[in-house]
């Protein structure tokens, strides 16, 4: 009678061991099977996962529609670029720049949340969209009269990600195993994604997470029960923005170049679609949605080559085909499964009950 709980625990531990092993060998398998280019795509996919986790705090937990989340990503990226590049001849270490970028992005999130606390729904979405565009335009024009961001040319020669003597821009040999730069970067990004997942999971089931859920369901009822909705909303914006700033710093160090064109409204919409498509409020769904939309453009890239080979010319551009399929998928999903591909249990019950 007492062996069943132990069997369930052992099975759960076995699944974790298998998942850990797969994550550890994944970059080597991808590099051997598909090439180094796909390892780079995998690294960018992990950054997308981190962004989706941060936006899920705002949209999924607190129920605040944010269409300018990419602005925090840009703030974190430029914070890293300004403090670790020849732009101001500063080369601060990674363990200082990343937390500082997250802190600056969190302050921008609080600055966005303060004047928008009384807005809901479409009005909040419009204001946050305008905030994202303001940040992008500022980054694009802060090159005169004092050159801070180098304008539309962007900032180049950014210091690579480095921890002590270990540079993630160079290959290393560890215990007889050669670890390429892209593989090493994958492990660094994976570590930050795991930390983000753990922190977000703890937030969801904390008193703060339950308060966010109450605001999401009925803000008036939550306020009548004594919750300080203004402070809780500000915390949601700040916490989500800190994830975006941290991801932006990693992006700048990995890419070695940042420009305002990387932080457009389309990117904000794509991150929001990752959260909605996967399932708002559910970390598993958010991660799956982010990975799906991160790999979809690359999976459709060979379509142009196939058309050139079989039809003699490219009739449908792969980028256009991607947007078309993506739009069709969103329409069908919102019609038949509005809670997302992998929703939380509470949200799924709400949708099916309604």
Protein backbone atom coordinates (compact mmCIF):
# COMPACT_ATOMS: atom_id res chain seq x y z
CA UNK A 1 0.00 0.00 0.00
CA UNK A 2 2.90 2.37 0.72
CA UNK A 3 4.83 1.63 -2.46
CA UNK A 4 2.59 3.66 -4.80
CA UNK A 5 3.71 7.14 -3.58
CA UNK A 6 7.36 6.08 -3.78
CA UNK A 7 6.76 4.75 -7.28
CA UNK A 8 5.28 8.09 -8.34
CA UNK A 9 8.24 9.97 -6.83
CA UNK A 10 10.71 7.66 -8.58
CA UNK A 11 8.91 8.08 -11.88
CA UNK A 12 8.94 11.87 -11.48
CA UNK A 13 12.66 11.83 -10.65
CA UNK A 14 13.32 9.61 -13.65
CA UNK A 15 11.57 12.07 -15.93
CA UNK A 16 13.65 14.93 -14.54
CA UNK A 17 16.87 12.95 -15.09
CA UNK A 18 15.93 12.20 -18.69
CA UNK A 19 14.92 15.82 -19.36
CA UNK A 20 18.19 17.07 -17.85
CA UNK A 21 20.23 14.66 -19.95
CA UNK A 22 18.40 15.68 -23.12
CA UNK A 23 18.97 19.38 -22.44
CA UNK A 24 22.69 18.76 -21.84
CA UNK A 25 23.29 16.81 -25.04
CA UNK A 26 20.87 18.81 -27.19
CA UNK A 27 23.36 21.39 -28.59
CA UNK A 28 25.87 18.68 -29.53
CA UNK A 29 23.15 16.66 -31.27
CA UNK A 30 21.85 19.73 -33.12
CA UNK A 31 25.35 20.74 -34.21
CA UNK A 32 26.17 17.23 -35.44
CA UNK A 33 22.86 16.72 -37.23
CA UNK A 34 21.86 20.18 -38.50
CA UNK A 35 25.01 22.31 -38.25
CA UNK A 36 26.26 25.21 -36.14
CA UNK A 37 23.68 27.59 -37.58
CA UNK A 38 20.88 25.75 -35.81
CA UNK A 39 22.73 25.97 -32.49
CA UNK A 40 22.72 29.74 -32.93
CA UNK A 41 18.98 29.59 -33.62
CA UNK A 42 18.60 27.51 -30.46
CA UNK A 43 20.40 30.22 -28.48
CA UNK A 44 18.04 32.90 -29.78
CA UNK A 45 15.09 30.63 -29.00
CA UNK A 46 16.16 30.54 -25.35
CA UNK A 47 16.19 34.34 -25.28
CA UNK A 48 12.65 34.28 -26.68
CA UNK A 49 11.64 31.89 -23.91
CA UNK A 50 12.99 34.29 -21.29
CA UNK A 51 11.11 37.20 -22.85
CA UNK A 52 7.89 35.17 -22.93
CA UNK A 53 8.32 34.24 -19.26
CA UNK A 54 8.67 37.92 -18.36
CA UNK A 55 5.63 38.97 -20.38
CA UNK A 56 3.63 36.11 -18.87
CA UNK A 57 3.98 37.77 -15.46
CA UNK A 58 2.28 40.90 -16.79
CA UNK A 59 -0.27 39.31 -19.11
CA UNK A 60 -0.78 35.81 -17.73
CA UNK A 61 -0.57 36.41 -13.97
CA UNK A 62 -1.80 40.00 -13.55
CA UNK A 63 -4.01 40.20 -16.66
CA UNK A 64 -2.48 43.46 -17.97
CA UNK A 65 -2.27 43.71 -21.75
CA UNK A 66 1.21 44.97 -22.70
CA UNK A 67 2.12 45.70 -26.32
CA UNK A 68 5.39 47.50 -25.58
CA UNK A 69 7.32 44.78 -23.80
CA UNK A 70 10.11 44.84 -26.37
CA UNK A 71 11.08 48.27 -24.98
CA UNK A 72 12.43 46.65 -21.81
CA UNK A 73 14.40 44.23 -23.96
CA UNK A 74 15.92 47.25 -25.73
CA UNK A 75 16.66 49.03 -22.45
CA UNK A 76 18.57 46.01 -21.16
CA UNK A 77 20.44 45.59 -24.44
CA UNK A 78 21.53 49.24 -24.60
CA UNK A 79 22.45 49.24 -20.92
CA UNK A 80 24.85 46.38 -21.61
CA UNK A 81 26.08 48.02 -24.82
CA UNK A 82 26.83 51.36 -23.17
CA UNK A 83 28.64 49.84 -20.19
CA UNK A 84 30.61 47.15 -22.05
CA UNK A 85 31.79 48.64 -25.33
CA UNK A 86 34.12 51.34 -26.74
CA UNK A 87 31.12 53.73 -26.96
CA UNK A 88 32.06 55.31 -23.60
CA UNK A 89 35.23 53.24 -23.24
CA UNK A 90 33.65 51.29 -20.40
CA UNK A 91 34.16 47.55 -20.02
CA UNK A 92 32.31 46.52 -16.89
CA UNK A 93 32.09 42.83 -15.99
CA UNK A 94 29.10 40.67 -16.83
CA UNK A 95 28.06 40.07 -13.23
CA UNK A 96 27.66 43.84 -12.75
CA UNK A 97 26.11 44.84 -16.09
CA UNK A 98 23.38 42.18 -16.23
CA UNK A 99 21.81 42.91 -12.81
CA UNK A 100 22.12 46.64 -13.49
CA UNK A 101 20.33 46.23 -16.83
CA UNK A 102 17.55 44.25 -15.14
CA UNK A 103 17.24 46.97 -12.46
CA UNK A 104 17.09 49.78 -15.04
CA UNK A 105 14.48 47.88 -17.06
CA UNK A 106 12.44 47.30 -13.88
CA UNK A 107 12.52 51.05 -13.17
CA UNK A 108 11.28 51.70 -16.72
CA UNK A 109 8.53 49.14 -16.13
CA UNK A 110 7.46 50.96 -12.97
CA UNK A 111 7.59 54.26 -14.87
CA UNK A 112 5.27 52.76 -17.49
CA UNK A 113 2.92 51.30 -14.91
CA UNK A 114 2.51 54.41 -12.76
CA UNK A 115 0.53 56.60 -15.22
CA UNK A 116 -1.43 53.64 -16.63
CA UNK A 117 -2.82 52.17 -13.41
CA UNK A 118 -6.34 53.34 -14.15
CA UNK A 119 -6.42 51.94 -17.68
CA UNK A 120 -7.70 48.54 -18.76
CA UNK A 121 -7.99 46.44 -21.89
CA UNK A 122 -7.58 48.21 -25.22
CA UNK A 123 -6.64 51.54 -23.63
CA UNK A 124 -3.79 49.95 -21.71
CA UNK A 125 -2.62 48.16 -24.85
CA UNK A 126 -2.53 51.43 -26.81
CA UNK A 127 -0.57 53.24 -24.09
CA UNK A 128 1.99 50.45 -23.74
CA UNK A 129 2.36 50.29 -27.52
CA UNK A 130 3.08 54.02 -27.55
CA UNK A 131 5.61 53.58 -24.75
CA UNK A 132 7.47 50.96 -26.76
CA UNK A 133 7.60 53.22 -29.80
CA UNK A 134 8.80 56.16 -27.68
CA UNK A 135 11.71 54.10 -26.36
CA UNK A 136 12.67 52.98 -29.88
CA UNK A 137 12.52 56.56 -31.22
CA UNK A 138 14.62 57.83 -28.32
CA UNK A 139 17.25 55.19 -28.98
CA UNK A 140 17.20 56.13 -32.63
CA UNK A 141 17.71 59.87 -31.98
CA UNK A 142 20.01 60.05 -28.95
CA UNK A 143 23.04 60.80 -31.12
CA UNK A 144 22.78 64.61 -31.04
CA UNK A 145 23.78 67.01 -29.59
CA UNK A 146 25.59 64.40 -27.44
CA UNK A 147 26.13 61.01 -29.04
CA UNK A 148 24.86 58.44 -26.55
CA UNK A 149 23.31 55.60 -28.54
CA UNK A 150 25.01 56.26 -31.91
CA UNK A 151 21.58 56.72 -33.49
CA UNK A 152 20.37 54.39 -36.23
CA UNK A 153 23.91 53.07 -36.79
CA UNK A 154 23.73 51.27 -33.46
CA UNK A 155 26.58 50.28 -31.16
CA UNK A 156 29.21 47.86 -32.38
CA UNK A 157 32.20 46.05 -30.88
CA UNK A 158 30.26 45.18 -27.72
CA UNK A 159 32.19 43.05 -25.25
CA UNK A 160 31.37 39.38 -25.46
CA UNK A 161 29.80 37.47 -22.59
CA UNK A 162 32.57 36.63 -20.15
CA UNK A 163 32.77 35.16 -16.67
CA UNK A 164 36.28 35.67 -15.34
CA UNK A 165 38.69 34.09 -17.80
CA UNK A 166 35.94 32.11 -19.52
CA UNK A 167 34.80 33.89 -22.68
CA UNK A 168 31.68 32.52 -24.32
CA UNK A 169 32.87 33.89 -27.67
CA UNK A 170 35.70 31.34 -27.90
CA UNK A 171 35.72 27.54 -27.93
CA UNK A 172 37.01 25.70 -24.88
CA UNK A 173 38.00 22.16 -23.99
CA UNK A 174 36.55 20.81 -20.77
CA UNK A 175 37.35 17.28 -19.56
CA UNK A 176 38.49 16.34 -23.06
CA UNK A 177 35.26 17.59 -24.66
CA UNK A 178 35.48 20.51 -27.07
CA UNK A 179 32.77 23.07 -26.30
CA UNK A 180 32.20 25.57 -29.10
CA UNK A 181 31.26 29.18 -28.48
CA UNK A 182 27.64 28.64 -29.49
CA UNK A 183 27.34 25.55 -27.30
CA UNK A 184 28.82 27.37 -24.31
CA UNK A 185 26.41 30.25 -24.87
CA UNK A 186 23.54 27.75 -24.99
CA UNK A 187 24.43 26.49 -21.51
CA UNK A 188 24.64 30.05 -20.18
CA UNK A 189 21.25 30.97 -21.63
CA UNK A 190 19.76 27.69 -20.42
CA UNK A 191 20.94 28.48 -16.88
CA UNK A 192 19.21 31.86 -16.95
CA UNK A 193 16.04 30.31 -18.42
CA UNK A 194 15.93 27.71 -15.65
CA UNK A 195 16.41 30.41 -13.00
CA UNK A 196 13.64 32.46 -14.63
CA UNK A 197 11.32 29.45 -14.65
CA UNK A 198 12.00 28.69 -10.99
CA UNK A 199 11.44 32.31 -9.95
CA UNK A 200 8.28 32.64 -12.04
CA UNK A 201 6.92 29.36 -10.67
CA UNK A 202 7.55 30.49 -7.11
CA UNK A 203 5.88 33.82 -7.83
CA UNK A 204 2.80 32.11 -9.25
CA UNK A 205 2.09 30.16 -6.06
CA UNK A 206 3.12 32.90 -3.63
CA UNK A 207 0.87 35.45 -1.94
CA UNK A 208 1.90 37.94 -4.60
CA UNK A 209 0.93 35.55 -7.38
CA UNK A 210 -2.46 34.87 -5.82
CA UNK A 211 -3.01 38.61 -5.49
CA UNK A 212 -2.19 39.06 -9.20
CA UNK A 213 -4.66 36.31 -10.03
CA UNK A 214 -7.34 38.09 -8.01
CA UNK A 215 -6.70 41.32 -9.91
CA UNK A 216 -6.83 39.44 -13.20
CA UNK A 217 -10.18 37.87 -12.39
CA UNK A 218 -11.92 40.93 -10.85
CA UNK A 219 -9.97 44.04 -9.91
CA UNK A 220 -12.91 45.68 -8.12
CA UNK A 221 -13.48 42.61 -5.95
CA UNK A 222 -9.75 42.38 -5.22
CA UNK A 223 -9.65 46.03 -4.12
CA UNK A 224 -12.73 45.55 -1.95
CA UNK A 225 -10.93 42.69 -0.16
CA UNK A 226 -8.12 45.04 0.85
CA UNK A 227 -5.54 44.42 -1.87
CA UNK A 228 -3.45 47.42 -2.90
CA UNK A 229 -4.05 47.02 -6.63
CA UNK A 230 -1.87 50.00 -7.59
CA UNK A 231 1.19 48.60 -5.87
CA UNK A 232 0.55 45.10 -7.18
CA UNK A 233 0.24 46.33 -10.76
CA UNK A 234 3.49 48.27 -10.45
CA UNK A 235 5.19 45.14 -9.12
CA UNK A 236 3.90 43.13 -12.08
CA UNK A 237 5.23 45.66 -14.60
CA UNK A 238 8.57 45.91 -12.79
CA UNK A 239 9.05 42.17 -12.37
CA UNK A 240 8.18 41.40 -15.98
CA UNK A 241 10.40 44.23 -17.24
CA UNK A 242 13.38 42.92 -15.26
CA UNK A 243 13.19 39.63 -17.18
CA UNK A 244 13.14 41.61 -20.42
CA UNK A 245 16.14 43.69 -19.38
CA UNK A 246 18.13 40.63 -18.41
CA UNK A 247 17.35 38.97 -21.73
CA UNK A 248 18.32 42.16 -23.57
CA UNK A 249 21.72 42.25 -21.88
CA UNK A 250 22.40 38.65 -22.88
CA UNK A 251 21.30 39.46 -26.43
CA UNK A 252 23.71 42.41 -26.69
CA UNK A 253 26.66 40.40 -25.39
CA UNK A 254 25.86 37.49 -27.68
CA UNK A 255 25.17 39.54 -30.81
CA UNK A 256 27.97 42.08 -30.33
CA UNK A 257 25.81 44.74 -31.97
CA UNK A 258 22.55 46.51 -31.13
CA UNK A 259 20.44 48.99 -33.09
CA UNK A 260 16.93 50.43 -32.64
CA UNK A 261 15.62 48.33 -35.53
CA UNK A 262 15.80 45.23 -33.33
CA UNK A 263 13.09 46.56 -31.00
CA UNK A 264 10.10 47.28 -33.19
CA UNK A 265 6.38 46.87 -32.49
CA UNK A 266 6.34 43.66 -34.53
CA UNK A 267 8.69 42.05 -32.03
CA UNK A 268 6.40 43.02 -29.15
CA UNK A 269 3.43 41.50 -30.95
CA UNK A 270 5.40 38.32 -31.61
CA UNK A 271 6.28 37.93 -27.93
CA UNK A 272 2.64 38.46 -26.98
CA UNK A 273 1.62 35.83 -29.53
CA UNK A 274 4.07 33.39 -27.92
CA UNK A 275 2.29 33.81 -24.60
CA UNK A 276 -1.23 33.68 -26.05
CA UNK A 277 -0.50 30.79 -28.40
CA UNK A 278 1.13 28.65 -25.72
CA UNK A 279 -1.36 29.42 -22.97
CA UNK A 280 -1.37 32.47 -20.72
CA UNK A 281 -0.57 31.79 -17.11
CA UNK A 282 0.98 28.36 -17.70
CA UNK A 283 4.77 28.21 -17.83
CA UNK A 284 4.82 25.02 -19.88
CA UNK A 285 2.51 26.54 -22.44
CA UNK A 286 4.51 29.79 -22.58
CA UNK A 287 7.76 27.91 -23.15
CA UNK A 288 6.22 25.72 -25.85
CA UNK A 289 4.68 28.74 -27.60
CA UNK A 290 7.99 30.63 -27.54
CA UNK A 291 9.93 27.68 -28.96
CA UNK A 292 7.31 27.07 -31.65
CA UNK A 293 7.32 30.64 -32.94
CA UNK A 294 11.12 30.91 -32.62
CA UNK A 295 11.72 27.86 -34.83
CA UNK A 296 8.84 28.39 -37.28
CA UNK A 297 10.64 30.95 -39.51
CA UNK A 298 13.65 28.69 -39.86
CA UNK A 299 11.55 25.63 -40.63
CA UNK A 300 9.88 27.48 -43.52
CA UNK A 301 13.11 28.98 -44.86
CA UNK A 302 13.81 26.07 -47.31
CA UNK A 303 10.42 26.69 -48.99
CA UNK A 304 12.00 29.32 -51.23
CA UNK A 305 14.76 26.94 -52.31
CA UNK A 306 12.22 24.21 -53.07
CA UNK A 307 10.17 26.58 -55.23
CA UNK A 308 13.28 27.67 -57.12
CA UNK A 309 14.26 24.05 -57.73
CA UNK A 310 10.85 22.68 -58.73
CA UNK A 311 9.06 25.71 -60.23
CA UNK A 312 11.99 27.66 -61.62
CA UNK A 313 11.24 30.77 -59.51
CA UNK A 314 10.00 31.80 -56.09
CA UNK A 315 6.23 32.33 -56.24
CA UNK A 316 5.60 32.78 -52.51
CA UNK A 317 8.24 34.43 -50.34
CA UNK A 318 9.00 32.32 -47.22
CA UNK A 319 8.52 35.33 -44.91
CA UNK A 320 5.11 36.03 -46.45
CA UNK A 321 4.17 32.36 -46.16
CA UNK A 322 5.24 32.35 -42.52
CA UNK A 323 3.03 35.32 -41.68
CA UNK A 324 0.12 33.78 -43.61
CA UNK A 325 0.36 30.44 -41.83
CA UNK A 326 0.87 32.19 -38.53
CA UNK A 327 -2.26 34.32 -39.06
CA UNK A 328 -4.34 31.30 -40.06
CA UNK A 329 -3.12 29.38 -37.01
CA UNK A 330 -4.03 32.27 -34.69
CA UNK A 331 -7.52 32.60 -36.19
CA UNK A 332 -8.20 28.88 -35.83
CA UNK A 333 -6.75 28.80 -32.34
CA UNK A 334 -8.80 31.77 -31.11
CA UNK A 335 -11.91 30.17 -32.59
CA UNK A 336 -11.54 26.61 -31.37
CA UNK A 337 -9.09 26.82 -28.45
CA UNK A 338 -8.97 30.39 -27.11
CA UNK A 339 -7.22 29.34 -23.89
CA UNK A 340 -4.07 28.35 -25.85
CA UNK A 341 -2.35 25.14 -26.82
CA UNK A 342 -1.25 24.29 -23.26
CA UNK A 343 -3.29 26.45 -20.84
CA UNK A 344 -3.32 26.42 -17.08
CA UNK A 345 -6.02 24.27 -15.51
CA UNK A 346 -7.84 27.23 -13.98
CA UNK A 347 -7.95 29.16 -17.27
CA UNK A 348 -9.08 26.07 -19.20
CA UNK A 349 -11.95 25.52 -16.74
CA UNK A 350 -12.97 29.18 -17.03
CA UNK A 351 -13.09 29.07 -20.83
CA UNK A 352 -14.99 25.80 -21.03
CA UNK A 353 -17.44 26.87 -18.33
CA UNK A 354 -18.13 30.13 -20.19
